[in-house]
Amino acid sequence: MRTLLRIAHRIDQTNEWIGRVVYWLTLVMVGVGAYNALVRYLDRFTGLGLSSNTYIELQWYMYSLIFLLGAAYTLKHNAHVRVDVLFTRLTPRGQAWVNLGGTLLFLLPFCFLVIRMSWPTVYNSWAVWEVSPDPGGLPRYPIKTAIPVAFFLLFLQGISVAIKQIAFLRDPAAEDVPESAPINSGKPQGGI
């Protein structure tokens, strides 16, 4: 179990790092959005043509990356949306079972399905070097590639969650779980 927990810790570290990069990407996206709004307003009065579809699409692409790449980070921090009708009334052990079941029955198969279904589209996009049809538009193949990459990261984070839930169910008092505050505090981490 110790080896699996080390693997879970590595997955957590990877998604933590990606999440921190996404923080900064959010700031850049806001800057690009502010620039777009400002130059469109100035273009009306000056006619300088500072606005471009490139910046608009860049803003859309960054938003997509934030949403897609932030999913695994959000799961790692147990900050995803949860329908919490009965979950909080369960014991920590019951919560661990719900998290483990949801991860194994819903999250991991869904991630696999999205990766499998998006792959032909990504492949075709790379095959033709797909570009936006709008004047000054950006290439589409990199942003389409982000879909299976993001769901692969989410899949890995789901594996990490499952490992930690199993570790908790085996020994709720385990102190050797890396980054295990939720487990040690009696609150299982992650899941559906």
N, C-alpha and C. Protein backbone atom coordinates (compact mmCIF):
# COMPACT_ATOMS: atom_id res chain seq x y z
N MET A 1 0.83 -1.20 0.00
CA MET A 1 0.00 0.00 0.00
C MET A 1 0.87 1.26 0.00
N ARG A 2 2.02 1.15 0.63
CA ARG A 2 2.91 2.30 0.71
C ARG A 2 3.34 2.76 -0.68
N THR A 3 3.61 1.81 -1.59
CA THR A 3 4.00 2.17 -2.96
C THR A 3 2.86 2.87 -3.68
N LEU A 4 1.64 2.36 -3.51
CA LEU A 4 0.48 3.01 -4.13
C LEU A 4 0.27 4.42 -3.59
N LEU A 5 0.51 4.59 -2.31
CA LEU A 5 0.36 5.93 -1.73
C LEU A 5 1.42 6.89 -2.26
N ARG A 6 2.62 6.36 -2.53
CA ARG A 6 3.65 7.22 -3.14
C ARG A 6 3.25 7.62 -4.55
N ILE A 7 2.65 6.69 -5.29
CA ILE A 7 2.15 7.01 -6.64
C ILE A 7 1.07 8.08 -6.54
N ALA A 8 0.15 7.91 -5.58
CA ALA A 8 -0.91 8.91 -5.39
C ALA A 8 -0.31 10.27 -5.06
N HIS A 9 0.73 10.27 -4.26
CA HIS A 9 1.40 11.53 -3.89
C HIS A 9 2.01 12.20 -5.12
N ARG A 10 2.61 11.41 -6.01
CA ARG A 10 3.20 11.97 -7.24
C ARG A 10 2.11 12.55 -8.15
N ILE A 11 1.00 11.84 -8.26
CA ILE A 11 -0.12 12.35 -9.05
C ILE A 11 -0.60 13.67 -8.46
N ASP A 12 -0.74 13.71 -7.14
CA ASP A 12 -1.18 14.93 -6.46
C ASP A 12 -0.21 16.08 -6.72
N GLN A 13 1.09 15.79 -6.65
CA GLN A 13 2.09 16.84 -6.90
C GLN A 13 1.98 17.39 -8.33
N THR A 14 1.80 16.49 -9.28
CA THR A 14 1.68 16.90 -10.69
C THR A 14 0.47 17.81 -10.88
N ASN A 15 -0.68 17.38 -10.37
CA ASN A 15 -1.88 18.19 -10.56
C ASN A 15 -1.85 19.46 -9.72
N GLU A 16 -1.14 19.45 -8.62
CA GLU A 16 -0.96 20.69 -7.83
C GLU A 16 -0.15 21.69 -8.64
N TRP A 17 0.92 21.23 -9.26
CA TRP A 17 1.77 22.12 -10.07
C TRP A 17 0.98 22.68 -11.25
N ILE A 18 0.23 21.82 -11.94
CA ILE A 18 -0.58 22.29 -13.07
C ILE A 18 -1.62 23.29 -12.59
N GLY A 19 -2.22 23.03 -11.44
CA GLY A 19 -3.20 23.96 -10.88
C GLY A 19 -2.60 25.33 -10.59
N ARG A 20 -1.37 25.34 -10.12
CA ARG A 20 -0.70 26.63 -9.84
C ARG A 20 -0.41 27.38 -11.14
N VAL A 21 -0.05 26.67 -12.19
CA VAL A 21 0.15 27.31 -13.49
C VAL A 21 -1.17 27.90 -14.00
N VAL A 22 -2.26 27.16 -13.79
CA VAL A 22 -3.58 27.63 -14.21
C VAL A 22 -3.97 28.90 -13.47
N TYR A 23 -3.53 29.03 -12.20
CA TYR A 23 -3.78 30.29 -11.47
C TYR A 23 -3.26 31.47 -12.28
N TRP A 24 -2.02 31.35 -12.75
CA TRP A 24 -1.40 32.45 -13.49
C TRP A 24 -2.03 32.62 -14.87
N LEU A 25 -2.45 31.52 -15.46
CA LEU A 25 -3.13 31.61 -16.74
C LEU A 25 -4.43 32.40 -16.61
N THR A 26 -5.07 32.29 -15.45
CA THR A 26 -6.29 33.06 -15.20
C THR A 26 -5.99 34.55 -15.23
N LEU A 27 -4.90 34.94 -14.62
CA LEU A 27 -4.51 36.35 -14.61
C LEU A 27 -4.21 36.84 -16.03
N VAL A 28 -3.52 36.03 -16.81
CA VAL A 28 -3.21 36.40 -18.19
C VAL A 28 -4.50 36.53 -19.00
N MET A 29 -5.44 35.59 -18.78
CA MET A 29 -6.71 35.63 -19.50
C MET A 29 -7.48 36.92 -19.19
N VAL A 30 -7.49 37.31 -17.93
CA VAL A 30 -8.16 38.56 -17.55
C VAL A 30 -7.49 39.75 -18.23
N GLY A 31 -6.16 39.73 -18.30
CA GLY A 31 -5.43 40.81 -18.98
C GLY A 31 -5.76 40.88 -20.46
N VAL A 32 -5.82 39.72 -21.12
CA VAL A 32 -6.17 39.69 -22.54
C VAL A 32 -7.61 40.16 -22.74
N GLY A 33 -8.50 39.76 -21.85
CA GLY A 33 -9.90 40.20 -21.94
C GLY A 33 -10.03 41.70 -21.77
N ALA A 34 -9.29 42.25 -20.82
CA ALA A 34 -9.32 43.69 -20.61
C ALA A 34 -8.75 44.42 -21.84
N TYR A 35 -7.68 43.88 -22.39
CA TYR A 35 -7.10 44.47 -23.60
C TYR A 35 -8.11 44.45 -24.73
N ASN A 36 -8.78 43.30 -24.92
CA ASN A 36 -9.80 43.19 -25.98
C ASN A 36 -10.88 44.25 -25.82
N ALA A 37 -11.39 44.40 -24.62
CA ALA A 37 -12.46 45.37 -24.38
C ALA A 37 -11.97 46.79 -24.63
N LEU A 38 -10.77 47.09 -24.17
CA LEU A 38 -10.23 48.44 -24.32
C LEU A 38 -9.97 48.79 -25.78
N VAL A 39 -9.31 47.91 -26.52
CA VAL A 39 -8.97 48.25 -27.91
C VAL A 39 -10.20 48.25 -28.81
N ARG A 40 -11.20 47.43 -28.52
CA ARG A 40 -12.42 47.50 -29.33
C ARG A 40 -13.10 48.86 -29.14
N TYR A 41 -13.06 49.36 -27.93
CA TYR A 41 -13.64 50.67 -27.66
C TYR A 41 -12.81 51.77 -28.34
N LEU A 42 -11.48 51.66 -28.24
CA LEU A 42 -10.62 52.66 -28.86
C LEU A 42 -10.70 52.61 -30.39
N ASP A 43 -10.86 51.40 -30.95
CA ASP A 43 -10.96 51.27 -32.41
C ASP A 43 -12.12 52.07 -32.99
N ARG A 44 -13.20 52.15 -32.23
CA ARG A 44 -14.36 52.91 -32.72
C ARG A 44 -14.02 54.38 -32.94
N PHE A 45 -13.15 54.90 -32.07
CA PHE A 45 -12.84 56.33 -32.14
C PHE A 45 -11.57 56.64 -32.90
N THR A 46 -10.62 55.71 -32.90
CA THR A 46 -9.32 56.01 -33.54
C THR A 46 -9.15 55.34 -34.89
N GLY A 47 -9.81 54.19 -35.09
CA GLY A 47 -9.65 53.46 -36.34
C GLY A 47 -8.29 52.81 -36.51
N LEU A 48 -7.55 52.61 -35.42
CA LEU A 48 -6.21 52.03 -35.49
C LEU A 48 -6.21 50.54 -35.79
N GLY A 49 -7.30 49.86 -35.57
CA GLY A 49 -7.36 48.42 -35.85
C GLY A 49 -6.53 47.58 -34.90
N LEU A 50 -6.51 47.92 -33.64
CA LEU A 50 -5.74 47.17 -32.65
C LEU A 50 -6.39 45.86 -32.25
N SER A 51 -7.69 45.77 -32.44
CA SER A 51 -8.41 44.56 -32.07
C SER A 51 -8.21 43.49 -33.15
N SER A 52 -8.29 42.23 -32.73
CA SER A 52 -8.08 41.13 -33.67
C SER A 52 -8.80 39.88 -33.16
N ASN A 53 -9.21 39.03 -34.09
CA ASN A 53 -9.78 37.74 -33.71
C ASN A 53 -8.78 36.89 -32.94
N THR A 54 -7.52 37.12 -33.19
CA THR A 54 -6.47 36.37 -32.49
C THR A 54 -6.62 36.53 -30.98
N TYR A 55 -6.79 37.76 -30.52
CA TYR A 55 -6.89 38.01 -29.08
C TYR A 55 -8.19 37.46 -28.51
N ILE A 56 -9.26 37.54 -29.28
CA ILE A 56 -10.54 37.01 -28.82
C ILE A 56 -10.45 35.50 -28.68
N GLU A 57 -9.89 34.83 -29.69
CA GLU A 57 -9.76 33.38 -29.62
C GLU A 57 -8.75 32.97 -28.54
N LEU A 58 -7.71 33.77 -28.38
CA LEU A 58 -6.74 33.48 -27.32
C LEU A 58 -7.42 33.49 -25.95
N GLN A 59 -8.29 34.44 -25.75
CA GLN A 59 -9.04 34.50 -24.50
C GLN A 59 -9.92 33.26 -24.33
N TRP A 60 -10.60 32.84 -25.38
CA TRP A 60 -11.44 31.63 -25.33
C TRP A 60 -10.59 30.40 -25.03
N TYR A 61 -9.43 30.31 -25.68
CA TYR A 61 -8.56 29.15 -25.48
C TYR A 61 -8.05 29.10 -24.04
N MET A 62 -7.67 30.25 -23.50
CA MET A 62 -7.19 30.26 -22.12
C MET A 62 -8.30 29.87 -21.15
N TYR A 63 -9.52 30.34 -21.41
CA TYR A 63 -10.64 29.95 -20.56
C TYR A 63 -10.86 28.44 -20.63
N SER A 64 -10.77 27.89 -21.82
CA SER A 64 -10.92 26.44 -21.99
C SER A 64 -9.84 25.68 -21.23
N LEU A 65 -8.61 26.16 -21.32
CA LEU A 65 -7.51 25.50 -20.59
C LEU A 65 -7.71 25.59 -19.09
N ILE A 66 -8.17 26.72 -18.61
CA ILE A 66 -8.41 26.89 -17.18
C ILE A 66 -9.46 25.89 -16.71
N PHE A 67 -10.54 25.80 -17.45
CA PHE A 67 -11.62 24.88 -17.10
C PHE A 67 -11.15 23.44 -17.17
N LEU A 68 -10.52 23.07 -18.29
CA LEU A 68 -10.12 21.68 -18.49
C LEU A 68 -9.00 21.25 -17.54
N LEU A 69 -7.93 22.03 -17.49
CA LEU A 69 -6.78 21.64 -16.67
C LEU A 69 -7.04 21.85 -15.19
N GLY A 70 -8.00 22.69 -14.86
CA GLY A 70 -8.33 22.91 -13.44
C GLY A 70 -9.18 21.82 -12.84
N ALA A 71 -9.73 20.93 -13.65
CA ALA A 71 -10.63 19.89 -13.13
C ALA A 71 -9.90 18.93 -12.19
N ALA A 72 -8.73 18.46 -12.57
CA ALA A 72 -7.99 17.53 -11.71
C ALA A 72 -7.54 18.22 -10.42
N TYR A 73 -7.11 19.47 -10.54
CA TYR A 73 -6.71 20.24 -9.36
C TYR A 73 -7.90 20.42 -8.41
N THR A 74 -9.07 20.68 -8.98
CA THR A 74 -10.28 20.84 -8.17
C THR A 74 -10.64 19.54 -7.47
N LEU A 75 -10.52 18.43 -8.16
CA LEU A 75 -10.79 17.13 -7.53
C LEU A 75 -9.78 16.86 -6.42
N LYS A 76 -8.53 17.18 -6.66
CA LYS A 76 -7.49 16.98 -5.64
C LYS A 76 -7.83 17.71 -4.35
N HIS A 77 -8.39 18.90 -4.48
CA HIS A 77 -8.72 19.72 -3.31
C HIS A 77 -10.15 19.52 -2.82
N ASN A 78 -10.82 18.52 -3.39
CA ASN A 78 -12.19 18.19 -2.98
C ASN A 78 -13.10 19.42 -3.06
N ALA A 79 -12.92 20.21 -4.11
CA ALA A 79 -13.66 21.46 -4.27
C ALA A 79 -14.65 21.40 -5.43
N HIS A 80 -14.90 20.22 -5.93
CA HIS A 80 -15.83 20.06 -7.04
C HIS A 80 -17.27 20.15 -6.54
N VAL A 81 -18.18 20.29 -7.46
CA VAL A 81 -19.59 20.37 -7.12
C VAL A 81 -20.06 19.00 -6.66
N ARG A 82 -20.78 18.99 -5.56
CA ARG A 82 -21.26 17.72 -5.02
C ARG A 82 -22.72 17.91 -4.59
N VAL A 83 -23.57 16.96 -4.95
CA VAL A 83 -24.94 16.96 -4.46
C VAL A 83 -24.88 16.34 -3.08
N ASP A 84 -25.04 17.17 -2.09
CA ASP A 84 -24.73 16.78 -0.72
C ASP A 84 -26.00 16.58 0.11
N VAL A 85 -26.83 15.63 -0.30
CA VAL A 85 -28.08 15.39 0.41
C VAL A 85 -27.84 14.50 1.63
N LEU A 86 -27.18 13.40 1.42
CA LEU A 86 -26.93 12.45 2.50
C LEU A 86 -25.46 12.35 2.92
N PHE A 87 -24.56 12.80 2.04
CA PHE A 87 -23.13 12.57 2.24
C PHE A 87 -22.63 13.07 3.59
N THR A 88 -23.02 14.27 4.00
CA THR A 88 -22.50 14.83 5.26
C THR A 88 -23.04 14.10 6.48
N ARG A 89 -24.13 13.36 6.32
CA ARG A 89 -24.70 12.61 7.45
C ARG A 89 -24.01 11.26 7.64
N LEU A 90 -23.22 10.86 6.66
CA LEU A 90 -22.52 9.59 6.76
C LEU A 90 -21.31 9.70 7.66
N THR A 91 -20.88 8.57 8.18
CA THR A 91 -19.63 8.53 8.95
C THR A 91 -18.48 8.72 7.97
N PRO A 92 -17.29 9.05 8.47
CA PRO A 92 -16.14 9.16 7.56
C PRO A 92 -15.92 7.88 6.75
N ARG A 93 -16.15 6.75 7.36
CA ARG A 93 -16.00 5.47 6.64
C ARG A 93 -17.07 5.36 5.53
N GLY A 94 -18.29 5.75 5.82
CA GLY A 94 -19.35 5.74 4.81
C GLY A 94 -19.04 6.71 3.68
N GLN A 95 -18.48 7.87 4.02
CA GLN A 95 -18.09 8.84 3.00
C GLN A 95 -16.99 8.28 2.11
N ALA A 96 -16.06 7.56 2.72
CA ALA A 96 -14.98 6.94 1.95
C ALA A 96 -15.54 5.92 0.97
N TRP A 97 -16.52 5.14 1.40
CA TRP A 97 -17.14 4.16 0.51
C TRP A 97 -17.87 4.85 -0.65
N VAL A 98 -18.58 5.92 -0.36
CA VAL A 98 -19.28 6.67 -1.41
C VAL A 98 -18.27 7.26 -2.39
N ASN A 99 -17.20 7.86 -1.87
CA ASN A 99 -16.17 8.44 -2.74
C ASN A 99 -15.51 7.37 -3.60
N LEU A 100 -15.18 6.24 -2.99
CA LEU A 100 -14.53 5.16 -3.74
C LEU A 100 -15.47 4.62 -4.81
N GLY A 101 -16.71 4.36 -4.44
CA GLY A 101 -17.68 3.84 -5.41
C GLY A 101 -17.93 4.82 -6.54
N GLY A 102 -18.11 6.09 -6.22
CA GLY A 102 -18.33 7.10 -7.25
C GLY A 102 -17.14 7.24 -8.18
N THR A 103 -15.95 7.16 -7.61
CA THR A 103 -14.73 7.27 -8.42
C THR A 103 -14.61 6.08 -9.37
N LEU A 104 -14.81 4.88 -8.84
CA LEU A 104 -14.64 3.68 -9.66
C LEU A 104 -15.77 3.46 -10.66
N LEU A 105 -17.00 3.80 -10.27
CA LEU A 105 -18.15 3.53 -11.12
C LEU A 105 -18.48 4.65 -12.10
N PHE A 106 -18.15 5.89 -11.74
CA PHE A 106 -18.55 7.02 -12.58
C PHE A 106 -17.36 7.81 -13.12
N LEU A 107 -16.49 8.29 -12.24
CA LEU A 107 -15.42 9.19 -12.68
C LEU A 107 -14.45 8.52 -13.64
N LEU A 108 -13.87 7.40 -13.25
CA LEU A 108 -12.86 6.76 -14.10
C LEU A 108 -13.45 6.29 -15.44
N PRO A 109 -14.61 5.62 -15.46
CA PRO A 109 -15.17 5.24 -16.77
C PRO A 109 -15.52 6.46 -17.64
N PHE A 110 -16.03 7.53 -17.02
CA PHE A 110 -16.36 8.73 -17.79
C PHE A 110 -15.10 9.34 -18.41
N CYS A 111 -14.03 9.43 -17.63
CA CYS A 111 -12.78 9.97 -18.17
C CYS A 111 -12.27 9.12 -19.33
N PHE A 112 -12.31 7.80 -19.15
CA PHE A 112 -11.88 6.90 -20.21
C PHE A 112 -12.72 7.11 -21.46
N LEU A 113 -14.03 7.24 -21.30
CA LEU A 113 -14.94 7.42 -22.43
C LEU A 113 -14.64 8.73 -23.17
N VAL A 114 -14.43 9.82 -22.43
CA VAL A 114 -14.13 11.10 -23.08
C VAL A 114 -12.81 11.03 -23.84
N ILE A 115 -11.81 10.41 -23.23
CA ILE A 115 -10.51 10.27 -23.92
C ILE A 115 -10.69 9.47 -25.20
N ARG A 116 -11.38 8.36 -25.09
CA ARG A 116 -11.61 7.48 -26.24
C ARG A 116 -12.40 8.18 -27.35
N MET A 117 -13.43 8.91 -26.97
CA MET A 117 -14.30 9.55 -27.96
C MET A 117 -13.67 10.81 -28.57
N SER A 118 -12.80 11.47 -27.83
CA SER A 118 -12.20 12.71 -28.35
C SER A 118 -10.97 12.43 -29.21
N TRP A 119 -10.39 11.27 -29.06
CA TRP A 119 -9.14 10.99 -29.76
C TRP A 119 -9.25 11.11 -31.28
N PRO A 120 -10.28 10.55 -31.94
CA PRO A 120 -10.36 10.71 -33.41
C PRO A 120 -10.44 12.17 -33.85
N THR A 121 -11.17 12.98 -33.11
CA THR A 121 -11.29 14.40 -33.45
C THR A 121 -9.93 15.10 -33.32
N VAL A 122 -9.22 14.79 -32.26
CA VAL A 122 -7.89 15.39 -32.06
C VAL A 122 -6.94 14.92 -33.15
N TYR A 123 -6.98 13.64 -33.45
CA TYR A 123 -6.11 13.10 -34.50
C TYR A 123 -6.38 13.77 -35.85
N ASN A 124 -7.65 13.88 -36.20
CA ASN A 124 -8.01 14.52 -37.47
C ASN A 124 -7.60 15.99 -37.49
N SER A 125 -7.73 16.67 -36.36
CA SER A 125 -7.35 18.07 -36.28
C SER A 125 -5.85 18.24 -36.53
N TRP A 126 -5.05 17.34 -35.97
CA TRP A 126 -3.60 17.39 -36.18
C TRP A 126 -3.26 17.00 -37.63
N ALA A 127 -4.01 16.07 -38.18
CA ALA A 127 -3.72 15.58 -39.54
C ALA A 127 -3.85 16.69 -40.58
N VAL A 128 -4.80 17.60 -40.36
CA VAL A 128 -5.01 18.68 -41.33
C VAL A 128 -4.49 20.03 -40.81
N TRP A 129 -3.84 20.02 -39.66
CA TRP A 129 -3.36 21.26 -39.03
C TRP A 129 -4.49 22.28 -38.98
N GLU A 130 -5.58 21.86 -38.37
CA GLU A 130 -6.81 22.66 -38.35
C GLU A 130 -6.58 24.06 -37.77
N VAL A 131 -7.14 25.04 -38.45
CA VAL A 131 -7.04 26.44 -38.04
C VAL A 131 -8.45 27.02 -38.00
N SER A 132 -8.65 27.99 -37.16
CA SER A 132 -9.94 28.66 -37.07
C SER A 132 -10.31 29.25 -38.42
N PRO A 133 -11.58 29.17 -38.79
CA PRO A 133 -11.99 29.75 -40.07
C PRO A 133 -12.08 31.27 -40.04
N ASP A 134 -12.02 31.87 -38.86
CA ASP A 134 -12.11 33.33 -38.75
C ASP A 134 -10.80 33.98 -39.17
N PRO A 135 -10.85 35.16 -39.78
CA PRO A 135 -9.62 35.86 -40.16
C PRO A 135 -8.77 36.15 -38.92
N GLY A 136 -7.51 35.81 -39.01
CA GLY A 136 -6.61 36.03 -37.88
C GLY A 136 -6.80 35.02 -36.76
N GLY A 137 -7.54 33.95 -37.03
CA GLY A 137 -7.82 32.95 -36.01
C GLY A 137 -6.61 32.09 -35.69
N LEU A 138 -6.70 31.40 -34.58
CA LEU A 138 -5.61 30.57 -34.09
C LEU A 138 -5.76 29.13 -34.55
N PRO A 139 -4.67 28.35 -34.48
CA PRO A 139 -4.77 26.92 -34.76
C PRO A 139 -5.70 26.23 -33.75
N ARG A 140 -6.47 25.28 -34.22
CA ARG A 140 -7.42 24.58 -33.34
C ARG A 140 -6.84 23.29 -32.76
N TYR A 141 -5.85 22.69 -33.42
CA TYR A 141 -5.37 21.39 -32.96
C TYR A 141 -4.76 21.42 -31.56
N PRO A 142 -4.07 22.49 -31.13
CA PRO A 142 -3.54 22.45 -29.76
C PRO A 142 -4.66 22.47 -28.70
N ILE A 143 -5.69 23.27 -28.92
CA ILE A 143 -6.75 23.35 -27.92
C ILE A 143 -7.57 22.08 -27.89
N LYS A 144 -7.73 21.44 -29.04
CA LYS A 144 -8.44 20.16 -29.06
C LYS A 144 -7.64 19.08 -28.34
N THR A 145 -6.33 19.18 -28.40
CA THR A 145 -5.47 18.23 -27.70
C THR A 145 -5.63 18.35 -26.19
N ALA A 146 -5.98 19.52 -25.73
CA ALA A 146 -6.15 19.74 -24.28
C ALA A 146 -7.28 18.88 -23.70
N ILE A 147 -8.24 18.49 -24.52
CA ILE A 147 -9.37 17.70 -24.01
C ILE A 147 -8.91 16.34 -23.50
N PRO A 148 -8.28 15.49 -24.32
CA PRO A 148 -7.85 14.20 -23.77
C PRO A 148 -6.76 14.34 -22.70
N VAL A 149 -5.90 15.35 -22.84
CA VAL A 149 -4.86 15.56 -21.82
C VAL A 149 -5.51 15.88 -20.48
N ALA A 150 -6.48 16.77 -20.48
CA ALA A 150 -7.15 17.16 -19.23
C ALA A 150 -7.88 15.98 -18.61
N PHE A 151 -8.56 15.19 -19.43
CA PHE A 151 -9.28 14.04 -18.88
C PHE A 151 -8.34 12.94 -18.44
N PHE A 152 -7.16 12.86 -19.05
CA PHE A 152 -6.15 11.92 -18.56
C PHE A 152 -5.66 12.35 -17.18
N LEU A 153 -5.42 13.65 -17.00
CA LEU A 153 -5.02 14.15 -15.68
C LEU A 153 -6.12 13.92 -14.65
N LEU A 154 -7.36 14.12 -15.05
CA LEU A 154 -8.49 13.87 -14.15
C LEU A 154 -8.58 12.38 -13.83
N PHE A 155 -8.34 11.52 -14.82
CA PHE A 155 -8.32 10.08 -14.60
C PHE A 155 -7.24 9.71 -13.58
N LEU A 156 -6.04 10.27 -13.76
CA LEU A 156 -4.96 10.01 -12.80
C LEU A 156 -5.33 10.48 -11.40
N GLN A 157 -5.96 11.66 -11.32
CA GLN A 157 -6.36 12.16 -10.00
C GLN A 157 -7.42 11.26 -9.39
N GLY A 158 -8.30 10.70 -10.22
CA GLY A 158 -9.28 9.74 -9.73
C GLY A 158 -8.60 8.50 -9.16
N ILE A 159 -7.55 8.04 -9.81
CA ILE A 159 -6.78 6.90 -9.28
C ILE A 159 -6.18 7.27 -7.93
N SER A 160 -5.64 8.47 -7.82
CA SER A 160 -5.08 8.93 -6.55
C SER A 160 -6.14 8.95 -5.45
N VAL A 161 -7.32 9.46 -5.79
CA VAL A 161 -8.43 9.50 -4.83
C VAL A 161 -8.80 8.08 -4.40
N ALA A 162 -8.90 7.18 -5.37
CA ALA A 162 -9.26 5.80 -5.05
C ALA A 162 -8.22 5.16 -4.13
N ILE A 163 -6.96 5.37 -4.42
CA ILE A 163 -5.89 4.81 -3.57
C ILE A 163 -6.02 5.34 -2.15
N LYS A 164 -6.24 6.64 -2.01
CA LYS A 164 -6.34 7.22 -0.66
C LYS A 164 -7.60 6.75 0.07
N GLN A 165 -8.69 6.54 -0.67
CA GLN A 165 -9.90 6.02 -0.03
C GLN A 165 -9.69 4.60 0.46
N ILE A 166 -9.03 3.79 -0.35
CA ILE A 166 -8.74 2.41 0.06
C ILE A 166 -7.82 2.41 1.28
N ALA A 167 -6.80 3.28 1.25
CA ALA A 167 -5.89 3.37 2.41
C ALA A 167 -6.65 3.77 3.66
N PHE A 168 -7.57 4.71 3.53
CA PHE A 168 -8.37 5.13 4.68
C PHE A 168 -9.25 4.00 5.18
N LEU A 169 -9.87 3.28 4.25
CA LEU A 169 -10.75 2.17 4.65
C LEU A 169 -9.96 1.04 5.31
N ARG A 170 -8.74 0.85 4.89
CA ARG A 170 -7.90 -0.20 5.49
C ARG A 170 -7.42 0.20 6.88
N ASP A 171 -7.05 1.49 7.03
CA ASP A 171 -6.52 1.94 8.32
C ASP A 171 -6.79 3.44 8.47
N PRO A 172 -7.92 3.80 9.11
CA PRO A 172 -8.28 5.22 9.25
C PRO A 172 -7.26 6.05 10.04
N ALA A 173 -6.44 5.41 10.83
CA ALA A 173 -5.48 6.14 11.66
C ALA A 173 -4.09 6.20 11.05
N ALA A 174 -3.94 5.75 9.80
CA ALA A 174 -2.63 5.70 9.17
C ALA A 174 -2.01 7.09 9.11
N GLU A 175 -0.76 7.16 9.53
CA GLU A 175 -0.04 8.43 9.52
C GLU A 175 0.95 8.52 8.37
N ASP A 176 1.12 7.43 7.63
CA ASP A 176 2.13 7.41 6.57
C ASP A 176 1.58 7.82 5.21
N VAL A 177 0.36 8.33 5.17
CA VAL A 177 -0.23 8.75 3.91
C VAL A 177 0.28 10.14 3.56
N PRO A 178 0.97 10.29 2.42
CA PRO A 178 1.45 11.63 2.04
C PRO A 178 0.28 12.59 1.84
N GLU A 179 0.46 13.81 2.28
CA GLU A 179 -0.57 14.85 2.14
C GLU A 179 -1.94 14.31 2.51
N SER A 180 -2.02 13.74 3.68
CA SER A 180 -3.24 13.01 4.04
C SER A 180 -4.11 13.74 5.04
N ALA A 181 -4.06 15.05 5.09
CA ALA A 181 -4.88 15.77 6.07
C ALA A 181 -6.35 15.36 6.02
N PRO A 182 -6.94 15.24 4.83
CA PRO A 182 -8.35 14.83 4.82
C PRO A 182 -8.55 13.43 5.39
N ILE A 183 -7.62 12.52 5.11
CA ILE A 183 -7.76 11.16 5.63
C ILE A 183 -7.53 11.14 7.13
N ASN A 184 -6.48 11.80 7.60
CA ASN A 184 -6.18 11.79 9.02
C ASN A 184 -7.22 12.53 9.85
N SER A 185 -7.89 13.49 9.24
CA SER A 185 -8.91 14.24 9.99
C SER A 185 -10.25 13.53 9.97
N GLY A 186 -10.31 12.38 9.34
CA GLY A 186 -11.55 11.63 9.30
C GLY A 186 -12.47 12.04 8.16
N LYS A 187 -11.99 12.89 7.27
CA LYS A 187 -12.81 13.34 6.14
C LYS A 187 -12.16 12.83 4.86
N PRO A 188 -12.72 11.81 4.24
CA PRO A 188 -12.13 11.28 3.01
C PRO A 188 -12.10 12.34 1.92
N GLN A 189 -11.08 12.23 1.08
CA GLN A 189 -10.88 13.22 0.03
C GLN A 189 -11.41 12.73 -1.30
N GLY A 190 -11.95 13.65 -2.08
CA GLY A 190 -12.26 13.42 -3.48
C GLY A 190 -13.50 12.58 -3.72
N GLY A 191 -13.62 12.12 -4.94
CA GLY A 191 -14.73 11.27 -5.33
C GLY A 191 -15.85 12.04 -5.99
N ILE A 192 -16.91 11.35 -6.25
CA ILE A 192 -18.07 11.94 -6.91
C ILE A 192 -19.07 12.41 -5.89
